[in-house]
Protein backbone atom coordinates (compact mmCIF):
# COMPACT_ATOMS: atom_id res chain seq x y z
CA MET A 1 -0.08 0.03 -0.05
CA MET A 2 2.94 2.23 0.85
CA MET A 3 4.28 1.74 -3.03
CA LYS A 4 1.02 2.14 -4.58
CA GLY A 5 0.30 5.77 -2.78
CA THR A 6 4.03 6.82 -3.32
CA SER A 7 3.71 6.24 -6.95
CA GLN A 8 0.32 8.25 -6.97
CA LEU A 9 2.42 10.91 -5.20
CA ILE A 10 4.86 10.93 -7.53
CA ARG A 11 3.13 11.18 -10.83
CA PHE A 12 0.78 13.90 -9.04
CA ALA A 13 4.32 15.98 -8.51
CA LEU A 14 5.29 15.73 -12.04
CA PHE A 15 2.61 16.97 -13.70
CA LEU A 16 2.28 19.63 -11.55
CA THR A 17 6.21 20.58 -12.01
CA MET A 18 5.60 20.61 -15.77
CA LEU A 19 2.38 22.76 -15.73
CA VAL A 20 4.11 25.57 -13.60
CA SER A 21 7.06 25.29 -16.09
CA ALA A 22 5.31 25.56 -19.01
CA THR A 23 3.27 28.21 -17.25
CA SER A 24 -2.10 38.40 -6.31
CA ALA A 25 -1.16 37.79 -3.24
CA PHE A 26 -0.92 33.69 -2.15
CA THR A 27 -4.47 32.29 -2.32
CA GLN A 28 -3.68 28.93 -0.73
CA THR A 29 -6.04 27.24 2.01
CA VAL A 30 -5.92 26.59 5.31
CA PRO A 31 -6.43 22.83 5.68
CA VAL A 32 -9.33 21.70 8.15
CA GLY A 33 -7.56 20.25 11.09
CA MET A 34 -4.18 22.47 10.98
CA PRO A 35 -2.79 22.36 14.43
CA LEU A 36 -3.85 25.90 15.90
CA LEU A 37 -4.20 27.79 13.19
CA ASP A 38 -7.75 26.26 11.70
CA GLN A 39 -9.43 27.13 15.70
CA TYR A 40 -7.23 30.86 15.86
CA LEU A 41 -8.98 32.08 12.34
CA ARG A 42 -12.55 31.13 13.81
CA ARG A 43 -12.09 32.97 17.11
CA ALA A 44 -10.08 35.90 15.60
CA GLN A 45 -13.72 36.27 13.60
CA LEU A 46 -15.65 36.42 16.66
CA LEU A 47 -13.11 39.15 18.17
CA GLY A 48 -13.49 41.14 15.03
CA LYS A 49 -9.79 40.79 14.05
CA VAL A 50 -11.18 39.62 10.61
CA ASP A 51 -13.68 39.90 8.16
CA SER A 52 -17.38 38.82 9.54
CA LEU A 53 -19.16 38.15 5.98
CA SER A 54 -17.35 34.63 5.59
CA SER A 55 -19.78 32.08 6.71
CA TRP A 56 -16.84 29.53 8.16
CA MET A 57 -19.65 26.75 6.76
CA VAL A 58 -17.73 26.09 3.24
CA ARG A 59 -13.92 25.01 4.75
CA PRO A 60 -11.26 24.98 4.08
CA VAL A 61 -10.99 28.81 3.85
CA TYR A 62 -8.76 31.09 2.07
CA PRO A 63 -7.38 33.37 4.14
CA THR A 64 -6.20 35.97 1.47
CA GLU A 65 -9.48 36.35 0.15
CA ALA A 66 -11.91 35.69 2.53
CA PHE A 67 -10.04 37.97 5.16
CA GLY A 68 -7.80 39.82 3.22
CA ILE A 69 -4.29 38.78 4.80
CA GLU A 70 -1.08 38.92 2.65
CA ASP A 71 -0.13 35.52 3.42
CA GLY A 72 -2.53 32.75 4.85
CA PHE A 73 -0.66 31.65 7.30
CA ASP A 74 1.15 34.18 9.28
CA VAL A 75 -2.06 35.93 10.10
CA ASP A 76 -0.81 39.08 11.91
CA GLY A 77 1.96 39.58 9.44
CA SER A 78 4.56 39.25 12.11
CA VAL A 79 6.84 36.02 10.33
CA VAL A 80 7.07 36.33 7.06
CA ASP A 81 8.45 39.45 4.52
CA LEU A 82 7.63 38.36 1.03
CA ASP A 83 10.37 40.88 -0.11
CA LEU A 84 13.22 39.45 2.17
CA SER A 85 12.07 36.29 2.37
CA LYS A 86 14.96 33.05 0.88
CA VAL A 87 11.95 30.36 0.67
CA HIS A 88 9.08 32.70 -1.04
CA SER A 89 9.64 34.17 -4.46
CA GLN A 90 8.13 35.44 -7.53
CA PHE A 91 9.26 34.04 -10.98
CA GLY A 92 8.07 34.78 -14.50
CA LYS A 93 7.63 37.67 -16.71
CA ASP A 94 6.93 41.05 -14.92
CA ASP A 95 7.43 38.83 -11.64
CA LYS A 96 3.77 37.42 -12.25
CA GLY A 97 4.48 33.74 -11.14
CA LYS A 98 4.73 33.21 -7.10
CA PHE A 99 6.24 31.01 -5.13
CA ARG A 100 5.49 29.73 -1.56
CA LEU A 101 6.49 27.29 0.98
CA LEU A 102 3.83 25.49 3.14
CA PRO A 103 3.96 24.65 6.96
CA ALA A 104 5.70 21.89 7.77
CA THR A 105 3.33 20.23 9.87
CA PHE A 106 4.31 17.02 12.08
CA LYS A 107 1.05 15.64 14.13
CA THR A 108 1.11 12.34 16.67
CA GLN A 109 -1.79 10.79 18.54
CA TYR A 110 -0.97 7.73 21.31
CA ASN A 111 -3.61 5.54 22.30
CA SER A 112 -2.59 3.20 24.80
CA THR A 113 -5.06 0.60 25.34
CA TYR A 114 -7.74 0.78 22.01
CA ALA A 115 -8.22 2.40 19.38
CA PHE A 116 -10.04 6.63 19.99
CA GLY A 117 -10.24 9.60 18.00
CA ALA A 118 -12.35 11.40 15.65
CA ASN A 119 -11.95 13.68 12.96
CA ASP A 120 -8.20 13.46 12.61
CA GLY A 121 -7.71 13.57 8.99
CA ALA A 122 -5.96 10.20 7.61
CA PHE A 123 -5.01 8.86 11.27
CA ILE A 124 -6.57 4.90 11.25
CA PRO A 125 -8.35 3.17 14.32
CA ASN A 126 -4.75 2.85 16.24
CA ARG A 127 -3.25 1.42 19.32
CA GLY A 128 0.02 2.60 20.25
CA PHE A 129 1.66 5.62 18.11
CA GLN A 130 0.90 6.97 14.94
CA SER A 131 2.29 10.26 12.99
CA LEU A 132 1.50 11.80 9.94
CA LEU A 133 3.95 14.35 8.30
CA SER A 134 3.37 17.26 5.78
CA ILE A 135 5.27 19.76 3.68
CA GLY A 136 4.56 21.48 0.15
CA VAL A 137 4.89 23.86 -1.79
CA TYR A 138 2.36 26.74 -3.23
CA ALA A 139 2.62 28.47 -6.97
CA GLU A 140 0.76 30.26 -8.91
CA TYR A 141 0.48 32.17 -12.63
CA GLY A 142 -1.69 34.24 -13.59
CA ASN A 143 -4.93 32.86 -12.60
CA TRP A 144 -3.57 29.24 -12.37
CA SER A 145 -2.40 27.89 -8.63
CA ILE A 146 -1.12 24.47 -7.71
CA GLN A 147 -0.83 23.60 -3.96
CA LEU A 148 1.16 20.13 -3.76
CA GLN A 149 0.87 19.14 -0.06
CA PRO A 150 1.14 15.07 0.33
CA GLU A 151 0.72 13.77 3.76
CA LEU A 152 2.63 10.34 5.42
CA LEU A 153 1.05 8.48 7.32
CA LEU A 154 2.86 5.95 9.73
CA ALA A 155 0.84 3.78 12.37
CA GLN A 156 2.31 1.36 15.12
CA ASN A 157 -0.94 -0.27 14.36
CA LYS A 158 -0.68 -2.78 17.42
CA ASP A 159 -3.37 -5.15 18.07
CA TYR A 160 -5.94 -4.54 21.05
CA LYS A 161 -9.01 -6.34 22.29
CA GLY A 162 -11.77 -5.26 19.86
CA PHE A 163 -15.40 -6.62 19.74
CA PRO A 164 -15.47 -9.53 21.82
CA ILE A 165 -15.65 -13.09 20.40
CA GLU A 166 -17.44 -14.01 23.50
CA HIS A 167 -20.16 -11.61 22.77
CA GLN A 168 -21.73 -14.71 20.90
CA SER A 169 -25.08 -14.19 21.14
CA THR A 170 -24.86 -10.55 20.00
CA ILE A 171 -22.60 -10.83 17.07
CA LEU A 172 -25.48 -11.88 14.44
CA TYR A 173 -27.30 -8.14 15.48
CA TYR A 174 -24.19 -6.50 15.02
CA TYR A 175 -23.22 -7.88 11.64
CA GLU A 176 -26.22 -6.49 10.57
CA TYR A 177 -24.89 -2.97 10.67
CA MET A 178 -21.20 -4.42 9.97
CA ASN A 179 -22.65 -6.05 6.72
CA ARG A 180 -23.80 -2.59 5.29
CA ILE A 181 -20.90 -0.37 6.14
CA ASP A 182 -16.74 -0.47 5.44
CA MET A 183 -15.77 0.18 8.93
CA PRO A 184 -13.06 -2.23 10.19
CA GLU A 185 -11.95 -2.22 13.91
CA ARG A 186 -8.27 -2.63 12.76
CA PHE A 187 -6.28 -2.14 9.47
CA GLY A 188 -4.73 -5.33 9.06
CA THR A 189 -1.98 -6.73 11.30
CA ASN A 190 1.24 -5.34 10.65
CA ALA A 191 2.13 -1.52 11.01
CA TYR A 192 0.28 0.69 8.52
CA ASN A 193 2.45 2.95 6.57
CA GLN A 194 0.51 5.02 3.66
CA ALA A 195 1.18 7.78 1.43
CA TYR A 196 -1.36 10.00 0.71
CA LEU A 197 -1.67 13.22 -1.57
CA GLY A 198 -3.09 15.00 1.21
CA GLN A 199 -4.11 18.85 0.85
CA SER A 200 -3.14 19.13 -2.62
CA SER A 201 -4.96 20.82 -5.78
CA ILE A 202 -4.63 22.34 -9.34
CA ARG A 203 -7.44 25.22 -9.53
CA TYR A 204 -8.10 28.28 -12.18
CA ASN A 205 -9.09 31.15 -10.28
CA PHE A 206 -11.29 34.03 -11.24
CA ASN A 207 -13.00 36.92 -9.59
CA GLU A 208 -14.47 34.93 -6.31
CA PHE A 209 -14.61 32.04 -7.94
CA SER A 210 -12.19 28.71 -8.50
CA VAL A 211 -12.36 25.52 -10.79
CA GLY A 212 -10.22 22.67 -10.57
CA LEU A 213 -8.96 19.06 -8.80
CA SER A 214 -8.26 18.49 -5.49
CA THR A 215 -7.72 16.05 -2.31
CA GLU A 216 -8.40 18.28 0.27
CA ASN A 217 -10.55 17.49 3.47
CA LEU A 218 -13.49 19.34 2.89
CA TRP A 219 -15.97 20.59 5.95
CA TRP A 220 -19.81 21.56 5.51
CA GLY A 221 -22.03 23.63 7.60
CA PRO A 222 -21.39 25.39 11.12
CA GLY A 223 -19.96 22.37 13.82
CA ARG A 224 -16.96 22.75 15.44
CA ARG A 225 -16.53 19.50 16.21
CA ASN A 226 -19.09 17.60 14.13
CA SER A 227 -20.44 17.59 10.31
CA LEU A 228 -23.03 15.80 8.98
CA LEU A 229 -22.37 15.55 6.15
CA LEU A 230 -18.65 16.25 4.97
CA GLY A 231 -15.85 16.27 7.83
CA ASN A 232 -12.01 15.49 8.03
CA ASN A 233 -12.79 12.43 9.98
CA ALA A 234 -11.15 10.11 7.06
CA PRO A 235 -8.10 11.26 4.36
CA GLY A 236 -9.07 13.99 1.81
CA PHE A 237 -10.59 12.03 -1.05
CA PHE A 238 -10.07 12.83 -5.19
CA HIS A 239 -12.85 15.51 -6.45
CA PHE A 240 -13.50 17.87 -8.62
CA THR A 241 -14.54 20.90 -7.16
CA PHE A 242 -16.11 24.35 -8.38
CA ASN A 243 -16.34 26.78 -5.71
CA THR A 244 -16.23 30.14 -4.30
CA ARG A 245 -13.06 31.51 -2.72
CA LYS A 246 -15.10 34.70 -0.55
CA PRO A 247 -18.54 35.65 -0.31
CA VAL A 248 -20.32 36.57 -3.62
CA GLN A 249 -21.77 40.29 -3.15
CA THR A 250 -25.02 40.85 -4.26
CA LYS A 251 -28.13 43.07 -3.69
CA VAL A 252 -29.70 40.97 -1.60
CA GLY A 253 -27.05 39.84 0.67
CA SER A 254 -23.68 37.42 -0.04
CA PHE A 255 -23.23 33.86 -1.34
CA GLU A 256 -20.75 30.93 -0.77
CA GLY A 257 -20.86 27.79 -2.35
CA GLN A 258 -19.33 24.90 -3.78
CA LEU A 259 -19.98 21.66 -5.96
CA ILE A 260 -18.06 18.81 -6.26
CA SER A 261 -17.92 15.36 -7.80
CA GLY A 262 -15.65 12.82 -5.69
CA PHE A 263 -14.73 9.24 -5.57
CA LEU A 264 -14.57 7.45 -2.76
CA LYS A 265 -12.45 3.86 -1.67
CA SER A 266 -12.68 0.63 0.06
CA SER A 267 -10.48 0.27 3.14
CA GLY A 268 -9.80 -3.28 1.62
CA TYR A 269 -9.84 -4.65 4.93
CA LEU A 270 -12.61 -6.84 7.22
CA PRO A 271 -14.31 -6.08 10.45
CA PRO A 272 -13.74 -8.23 13.40
CA HIS A 273 -14.50 -12.29 13.63
CA SER A 274 -15.76 -12.26 10.28
CA ASP A 275 -14.57 -16.03 9.83
CA TYR A 276 -17.39 -16.47 12.62
CA VAL A 277 -20.00 -18.84 11.63
CA ILE A 278 -23.20 -19.50 13.75
CA GLN A 279 -25.51 -23.10 13.08
CA GLU A 280 -22.99 -23.12 9.59
CA ASN A 281 -24.16 -19.84 8.59
CA PRO A 282 -21.50 -17.12 8.31
CA VAL A 283 -22.02 -13.70 9.94
CA TYR A 284 -20.26 -11.71 7.35
CA ILE A 285 -21.66 -11.04 3.69
CA PRO A 286 -19.11 -10.80 1.44
CA LYS A 287 -19.06 -6.78 -0.28
CA PRO A 288 -18.58 -6.25 -3.80
CA GLU A 289 -14.92 -6.41 -4.76
CA ASP A 290 -15.31 -3.02 -6.34
CA GLY A 291 -15.80 -0.61 -3.52
CA ASN A 292 -15.37 2.66 -5.84
CA ARG A 293 -17.93 4.82 -5.00
CA TYR A 294 -19.53 8.30 -6.72
CA LEU A 295 -19.96 11.07 -4.53
CA GLY A 296 -22.04 14.43 -6.00
CA GLY A 297 -22.38 17.12 -3.34
CA LEU A 298 -23.76 20.90 -3.21
CA VAL A 299 -23.67 23.47 -0.09
CA LEU A 300 -25.01 26.50 -0.34
CA THR A 301 -25.12 29.59 2.17
CA TYR A 302 -26.44 33.06 2.31
CA GLN A 303 -25.93 36.27 4.10
CA PRO A 304 -28.92 38.28 4.29
CA LYS A 305 -27.71 42.02 3.91
CA TRP A 306 -30.45 42.84 6.48
CA VAL A 307 -29.26 40.66 9.18
CA PRO A 308 -25.38 40.85 9.83
CA GLY A 309 -24.07 38.04 11.16
CA LEU A 310 -26.91 35.81 10.53
CA PHE A 311 -25.63 32.83 7.95
CA LEU A 312 -27.98 30.40 6.37
CA GLY A 313 -27.11 27.21 4.12
CA TYR A 314 -28.11 24.05 2.37
CA GLY A 315 -26.11 20.88 1.78
CA SER A 316 -26.95 17.78 0.18
CA VAL A 317 -24.92 14.46 -0.80
CA ASN A 318 -25.41 11.77 -3.35
CA HIS A 319 -23.67 8.40 -2.77
CA MET A 320 -23.36 5.44 -4.81
CA TYR A 321 -21.47 2.72 -6.95
CA ARG A 322 -19.69 4.01 -9.65
CA SER A 323 -20.91 0.98 -11.49
CA ASP A 324 -24.72 2.10 -11.04
CA VAL A 325 -23.75 5.62 -12.09
CA SER A 326 -26.47 6.15 -15.30
CA THR A 327 -28.13 9.26 -15.37
CA VAL A 328 -27.79 13.13 -13.96
CA GLY A 329 -30.02 12.25 -11.36
CA ASP A 330 -27.58 9.79 -9.82
CA LEU A 331 -24.52 12.57 -10.67
CA LEU A 332 -26.05 15.66 -8.83
CA PRO A 333 -28.24 15.57 -5.55
CA ILE A 334 -30.30 18.65 -6.82
CA PHE A 335 -31.93 16.47 -9.67
CA ASN A 336 -32.55 13.32 -7.68
CA GLY A 337 -35.43 13.48 -5.02
CA ARG A 338 -38.03 10.74 -6.04
CA LYS A 339 -40.38 11.77 -3.56
CA GLY A 340 -42.28 8.88 -2.18
CA PRO A 341 -43.02 6.56 0.98
CA GLU A 342 -39.77 4.28 1.99
CA ASN A 343 -41.67 1.44 2.21
CA VAL A 344 -42.57 1.55 -1.92
CA VAL A 345 -39.77 0.31 -3.58
CA ASP A 346 -37.80 2.38 -5.93
CA LEU A 347 -34.96 0.80 -7.54
CA THR A 348 -33.59 4.40 -8.80
CA ARG A 349 -33.94 5.83 -5.44
CA ASP A 350 -32.90 2.63 -3.72
CA LYS A 351 -29.36 2.39 -5.40
CA ARG A 352 -28.49 5.82 -3.88
CA GLN A 353 -27.47 6.89 -0.26
CA GLN A 354 -28.34 10.63 0.11
CA PHE A 355 -28.29 12.88 2.67
CA SER A 356 -29.47 16.65 3.19
CA SER A 357 -29.28 19.32 5.69
CA GLY A 358 -30.23 22.67 6.72
CA PHE A 359 -27.97 24.87 8.75
CA PHE A 360 -27.56 28.36 10.29
CA ARG A 361 -25.03 29.95 12.32
CA TRP A 362 -25.37 33.75 13.90
CA LEU A 363 -22.42 35.51 15.32
CA SER A 364 -21.95 38.77 16.90
CA GLN A 365 -18.28 40.88 16.83
CA GLU A 366 -19.87 42.91 19.49
CA GLY A 367 -20.66 40.17 21.81
CA ASN A 368 -17.79 37.73 20.95
CA PHE A 369 -20.52 35.00 20.15
CA GLU A 370 -21.91 32.48 17.51
CA PHE A 371 -24.51 30.36 18.18
CA TYR A 372 -25.36 27.29 15.17
CA GLY A 373 -27.10 24.64 13.96
CA GLU A 374 -27.33 21.84 11.89
CA TYR A 375 -30.64 19.37 11.04
CA GLY A 376 -30.50 16.91 8.53
CA THR A 377 -32.10 14.13 7.41
CA ARG A 378 -31.20 10.86 5.64
CA GLY A 379 -32.27 10.96 2.46
CA ASN A 380 -33.94 13.60 0.12
CA SER A 381 -36.96 11.70 -0.81
CA GLN A 382 -39.07 12.46 2.09
CA ARG A 383 -42.54 14.39 0.78
CA LEU A 384 -43.07 17.77 2.83
CA SER A 385 -46.97 16.01 4.10
CA ASP A 386 -44.55 13.13 5.90
CA PHE A 387 -41.78 15.67 7.26
CA MET A 388 -44.74 17.88 8.44
CA ILE A 389 -46.35 14.66 10.45
CA THR A 390 -43.07 13.33 11.36
CA PRO A 391 -40.18 15.85 11.19
CA GLU A 392 -38.16 13.46 13.63
CA LYS A 393 -37.73 10.32 11.03
CA GLY A 394 -34.59 9.81 9.72
CA ARG A 395 -33.19 13.46 11.58
CA ALA A 396 -29.69 13.97 12.93
CA PHE A 397 -28.75 17.25 14.45
CA THR A 398 -25.89 19.38 15.89
CA PHE A 399 -26.33 22.63 17.96
CA GLY A 400 -23.23 24.46 19.37
CA PHE A 401 -22.13 28.01 20.79
CA SER A 402 -19.00 29.63 21.58
CA HIS A 403 -18.55 32.62 23.76
CA LEU A 404 -15.67 35.07 24.54
CA MET A 405 -16.11 36.64 27.58
CA ALA A 406 -13.18 39.88 28.03
CA LEU A 407 -11.12 39.43 31.73
CA LYS A 408 -9.08 42.46 33.16
CA LYS A 409 -6.14 42.40 31.21
CA PRO A 410 -6.74 43.64 27.46
CA GLY A 411 -6.67 40.50 25.10
CA ARG A 412 -7.21 38.09 27.24
CA TYR A 413 -10.52 35.80 27.31
CA PHE A 414 -12.55 33.30 29.01
CA GLN A 415 -14.25 30.72 26.24
CA ILE A 416 -16.97 28.72 26.91
CA SER A 417 -18.01 26.43 24.28
CA SER A 418 -20.45 23.50 23.49
CA GLU A 419 -21.56 21.42 20.97
CA MET A 420 -24.58 18.80 21.25
CA THR A 421 -24.85 16.22 18.09
CA GLN A 422 -26.88 13.42 17.38
CA THR A 423 -27.59 10.52 14.86
CA GLY A 424 -29.55 7.97 16.83
CA GLN A 425 -33.13 7.65 15.90
CA PRO A 426 -35.80 8.74 18.03
CA ILE A 427 -38.61 6.17 16.43
CA ARG A 428 -38.24 2.34 16.69
CA GLU A 429 -39.74 1.61 13.28
CA GLU A 430 -36.62 3.46 12.43
CA ILE A 431 -34.19 0.98 14.09
CA ARG A 432 -35.88 -2.18 13.58
CA GLN A 433 -35.78 -1.45 9.56
CA LEU A 434 -31.98 -0.65 10.21
CA ARG A 435 -32.21 3.25 8.68
CA THR A 436 -29.23 4.35 10.55
CA TRP A 437 -26.84 6.92 9.58
CA TYR A 438 -24.21 6.36 7.01
CA ILE A 439 -24.98 2.43 6.59
CA HIS A 440 -27.13 1.39 4.02
CA ASP A 441 -28.91 -1.56 2.53
CA HIS A 442 -27.37 -1.49 -1.46
CA VAL A 443 -24.35 0.67 -0.64
CA VAL A 444 -22.70 -2.14 1.76
CA HIS A 445 -19.92 0.22 1.98
CA GLY A 446 -21.67 2.67 3.86
CA TYR A 447 -20.89 6.39 3.54
CA THR A 448 -17.21 6.09 4.03
CA HIS A 449 -14.06 6.70 2.22
CA ASN A 450 -10.58 4.50 3.17
CA GLY A 451 -12.64 2.98 5.91
CA GLN A 452 -13.77 5.86 8.06
CA VAL A 453 -17.37 7.71 8.33
CA LEU A 454 -17.30 10.86 6.31
CA GLY A 455 -19.62 12.65 8.24
CA VAL A 456 -19.81 12.45 12.49
CA GLY A 457 -16.59 11.12 13.24
CA ASN A 458 -17.91 8.65 15.95
CA GLY A 459 -20.05 6.59 13.82
CA PRO A 460 -23.21 5.38 12.95
CA ALA A 461 -26.06 6.64 15.60
CA SER A 462 -23.44 8.23 17.89
CA ASN A 463 -24.31 11.06 20.19
CA GLN A 464 -22.36 13.44 21.77
CA ILE A 465 -22.37 16.55 24.22
CA PHE A 466 -19.09 18.73 24.74
CA VAL A 467 -18.14 21.48 26.74
CA GLU A 468 -14.89 23.89 26.88
CA PHE A 469 -13.58 26.04 29.42
CA ALA A 470 -10.61 28.17 28.11
CA TRP A 471 -8.24 31.18 28.60
CA VAL A 472 -7.22 32.44 25.57
CA GLU A 473 -4.77 34.88 24.55
CA ASP A 474 -3.87 36.05 20.95
CA MET A 475 -2.96 32.34 19.86
CA ASN A 476 -2.91 31.38 23.00
CA ARG A 477 -5.24 28.60 24.68
CA ILE A 478 -5.31 26.65 27.78
CA GLY A 479 -8.48 24.68 28.32
CA LEU A 480 -10.14 21.82 30.08
CA GLN A 481 -13.11 19.73 28.06
CA MET A 482 -15.65 17.25 28.83
CA GLU A 483 -17.36 14.97 26.31
CA ARG A 484 -19.86 11.65 26.60
CA ILE A 485 -20.25 9.92 23.58
CA VAL A 486 -22.29 7.07 23.17
CA TYR A 487 -21.36 4.90 20.56
CA ASN A 488 -24.63 3.50 18.07
CA ASN A 489 -27.43 3.89 20.38
CA ASP A 490 -29.79 2.78 17.07
CA PHE A 491 -27.73 -0.73 18.26
CA TYR A 492 -28.09 -0.92 21.41
CA TYR A 493 -32.05 -0.44 21.03
CA TYR A 494 -31.75 -3.00 18.20
CA ARG A 495 -30.37 -5.55 20.34
CA TYR A 496 -31.25 -4.81 23.88
CA GLU A 497 -34.87 -3.63 23.27
CA GLY A 498 -36.06 -6.55 25.27
CA SER A 499 -33.83 -5.88 28.19
CA LYS A 500 -34.04 -2.04 28.30
CA ASP A 501 -30.47 -2.77 30.18
CA TRP A 502 -28.34 0.15 30.98
CA ARG A 503 -25.25 -1.96 31.30
CA ASN A 504 -25.12 -2.73 27.45
CA LYS A 505 -25.05 0.72 26.27
CA TYR A 506 -21.40 1.81 25.24
CA VAL A 507 -20.50 5.19 26.44
CA ASP A 508 -17.56 7.01 26.99
CA ILE A 509 -16.72 10.02 29.65
CA VAL A 510 -13.59 11.93 28.46
CA PRO A 511 -12.11 14.77 30.06
CA SER A 512 -9.40 16.05 28.68
CA LEU A 513 -6.30 19.21 29.29
CA VAL A 514 -5.71 21.28 25.52
CA GLY A 515 -3.18 23.54 25.21
CA ASP A 516 -2.56 25.75 22.04
CA TRP A 517 0.81 28.13 21.93
CA ARG A 518 2.74 30.22 19.60
CA PHE A 519 6.83 30.15 19.92
CA GLY A 520 7.58 32.20 17.06
CA ASN A 521 7.56 30.70 13.81
CA LEU A 522 6.06 27.45 15.31
CA LEU A 523 2.44 26.92 16.03
CA PHE A 524 2.01 23.70 18.88
CA SER A 525 -1.37 22.38 19.63
CA GLY A 526 -1.77 19.49 22.33
CA LYS A 527 -4.26 17.14 23.76
CA LEU A 528 -4.47 14.92 27.09
CA GLN A 529 -7.38 12.70 27.50
CA TYR A 530 -8.32 10.32 29.68
CA VAL A 531 -11.11 7.88 28.23
CA SER A 532 -13.34 5.98 30.64
CA THR A 533 -15.53 3.40 28.52
CA LEU A 534 -18.35 1.86 30.20
CA ASN A 535 -20.03 -1.24 28.74
CA TYR A 536 -17.08 -1.51 26.18
CA LYS A 537 -18.76 -2.83 23.20
CA TRP A 538 -21.91 -3.29 24.65
CA TYR A 539 -20.67 -6.23 26.43
CA LEU A 540 -21.18 -7.49 29.70
CA GLU A 541 -18.94 -9.60 31.43
CA ASN A 542 -19.73 -13.36 31.94
CA ASN A 543 -19.36 -14.64 35.90
CA PRO A 544 -22.42 -17.25 36.65
CA ASP A 545 -21.56 -16.84 40.36
CA GLN A 546 -21.94 -13.39 40.56
CA TYR A 547 -26.20 -12.05 40.24
CA PHE A 548 -24.90 -8.83 39.53
CA VAL A 549 -22.97 -8.74 36.36
CA PRO A 550 -21.27 -5.50 35.72
CA GLY A 551 -20.32 -4.14 32.26
CA TYR A 552 -17.07 -4.49 30.56
CA ASP A 553 -15.82 -1.20 31.60
CA ARG A 554 -11.96 -0.20 30.13
CA LYS A 555 -9.87 2.88 30.45
CA ASN A 556 -7.53 4.48 27.91
CA PHE A 557 -5.08 6.99 27.88
CA VAL A 558 -5.09 9.44 24.85
CA ALA A 559 -2.35 11.91 23.76
CA HIS A 560 -1.59 13.93 20.51
CA ILE A 561 0.55 16.83 19.44
CA GLY A 562 0.57 18.99 16.25
CA LEU A 563 3.67 20.93 15.21
CA ALA A 564 3.51 23.77 12.33
CA TYR A 565 6.68 25.70 11.37
CA LEU A 566 5.99 28.51 9.10
CA PHE A 567 9.10 29.07 7.02
CA GLN A 568 10.09 32.92 6.56
């Protein structure tokens, strides 16, 4: 796998080099999840340090276009001097060409006992250490721009106890889900090393718009912790993109948006105990050998000029096997509603996995405050009358806020943030029919890329509530976080509806210490987490001599470090 990824990377690099050879401020993007900077820019918007017209609901962002920053990574202009720099330069006739050495980034994660983590890009479910290294270049000439920012992942991928084989009475229920999604617990039995194209792109830019090819991570929606449709829980996937680089101003307000056509791949790994047989029946149903899929998506945001600080948005994605694509409705989610009841077979509709969401974000720079929400539905085919009767059917949602309160010393703030996300279903019929977010009866690889969910990182039917208290000053932040995660709540009710035993609920309680700090050219981001897992993998320990059987509780220590070095 390493050699295959490396050869793809070399071919792409040669292509970009030839294009530059053949052929304004820097217009590179800030990658989703970049250490320190990704969080800081959003906080800076609440403090009025950058333009309030950017919705922050279509990412990655273009700081030069959206916020007027000369260098997209040196946000306060204190590090990079483009006129004196030895690594950033101009070239070509009349210096129309520009070259930029992108920040070198290093991320590492450690899990002591079992895999834990979400919204961490190319990282895999892993015990032990895993590290991600990236360095890149950016060049533009006229309207053309190239960003080559590959990523190298090195993971120990140590063995750990996942779904317990002793859980025999439950494994058939479990595989009702595993047979409808590509989400392995472990990526093989050896160390996992892989090269990705990472945050790379080639684009043609004109005014507020950009069109091109990219492998960058995308984030749609207002959430700080979770996105229902597209987040950075998996590696970036290859896609065509037509998007805005900054808000498009009109007489009625400003607009942002993105249209994508992308290609997703399977992991190539099996779920746990896939060779298990019950009464001569294998629990695992093999998936199609060709797990390549097509993803079409559209997102639009609108900022009414009469209500400053308010942003409204809509997003929709359509996901299916590439071999099933046959009509325009398969390519673009705006043409594929096919309204009708779910209990009536529609072969055209049922081969597609579709998600839609509406969202909002309201920010006040005067109050240093933002409130946001996203409400999604599993499918685009629900009729309006059905939605009015049961709006909770097939729903998922996120709501959150962040507030910065000024302290006595100027420039220092106390930040409180919270977010709640629910994708578990509240209707019994939906649970019994396995109509769970991110799994699918026909697209049995589920809404995944390389074995990881593209939306909410904790997987199908997960529910989370999160709160953070932090001290912040400029780019620096020190804080305490607390999070409660319920894994696959639909599976809990599907399997244990009869007993309704709370000891089978699979729950993580996660206190965390977080810190961001800037040391000159070096940006540091760190997190220490203690994961207290209750009823790991929904399992009760078997002790026939004990009347009260406790749940299987486990502990895990997790450490994250992210570094980014800005070249002068």
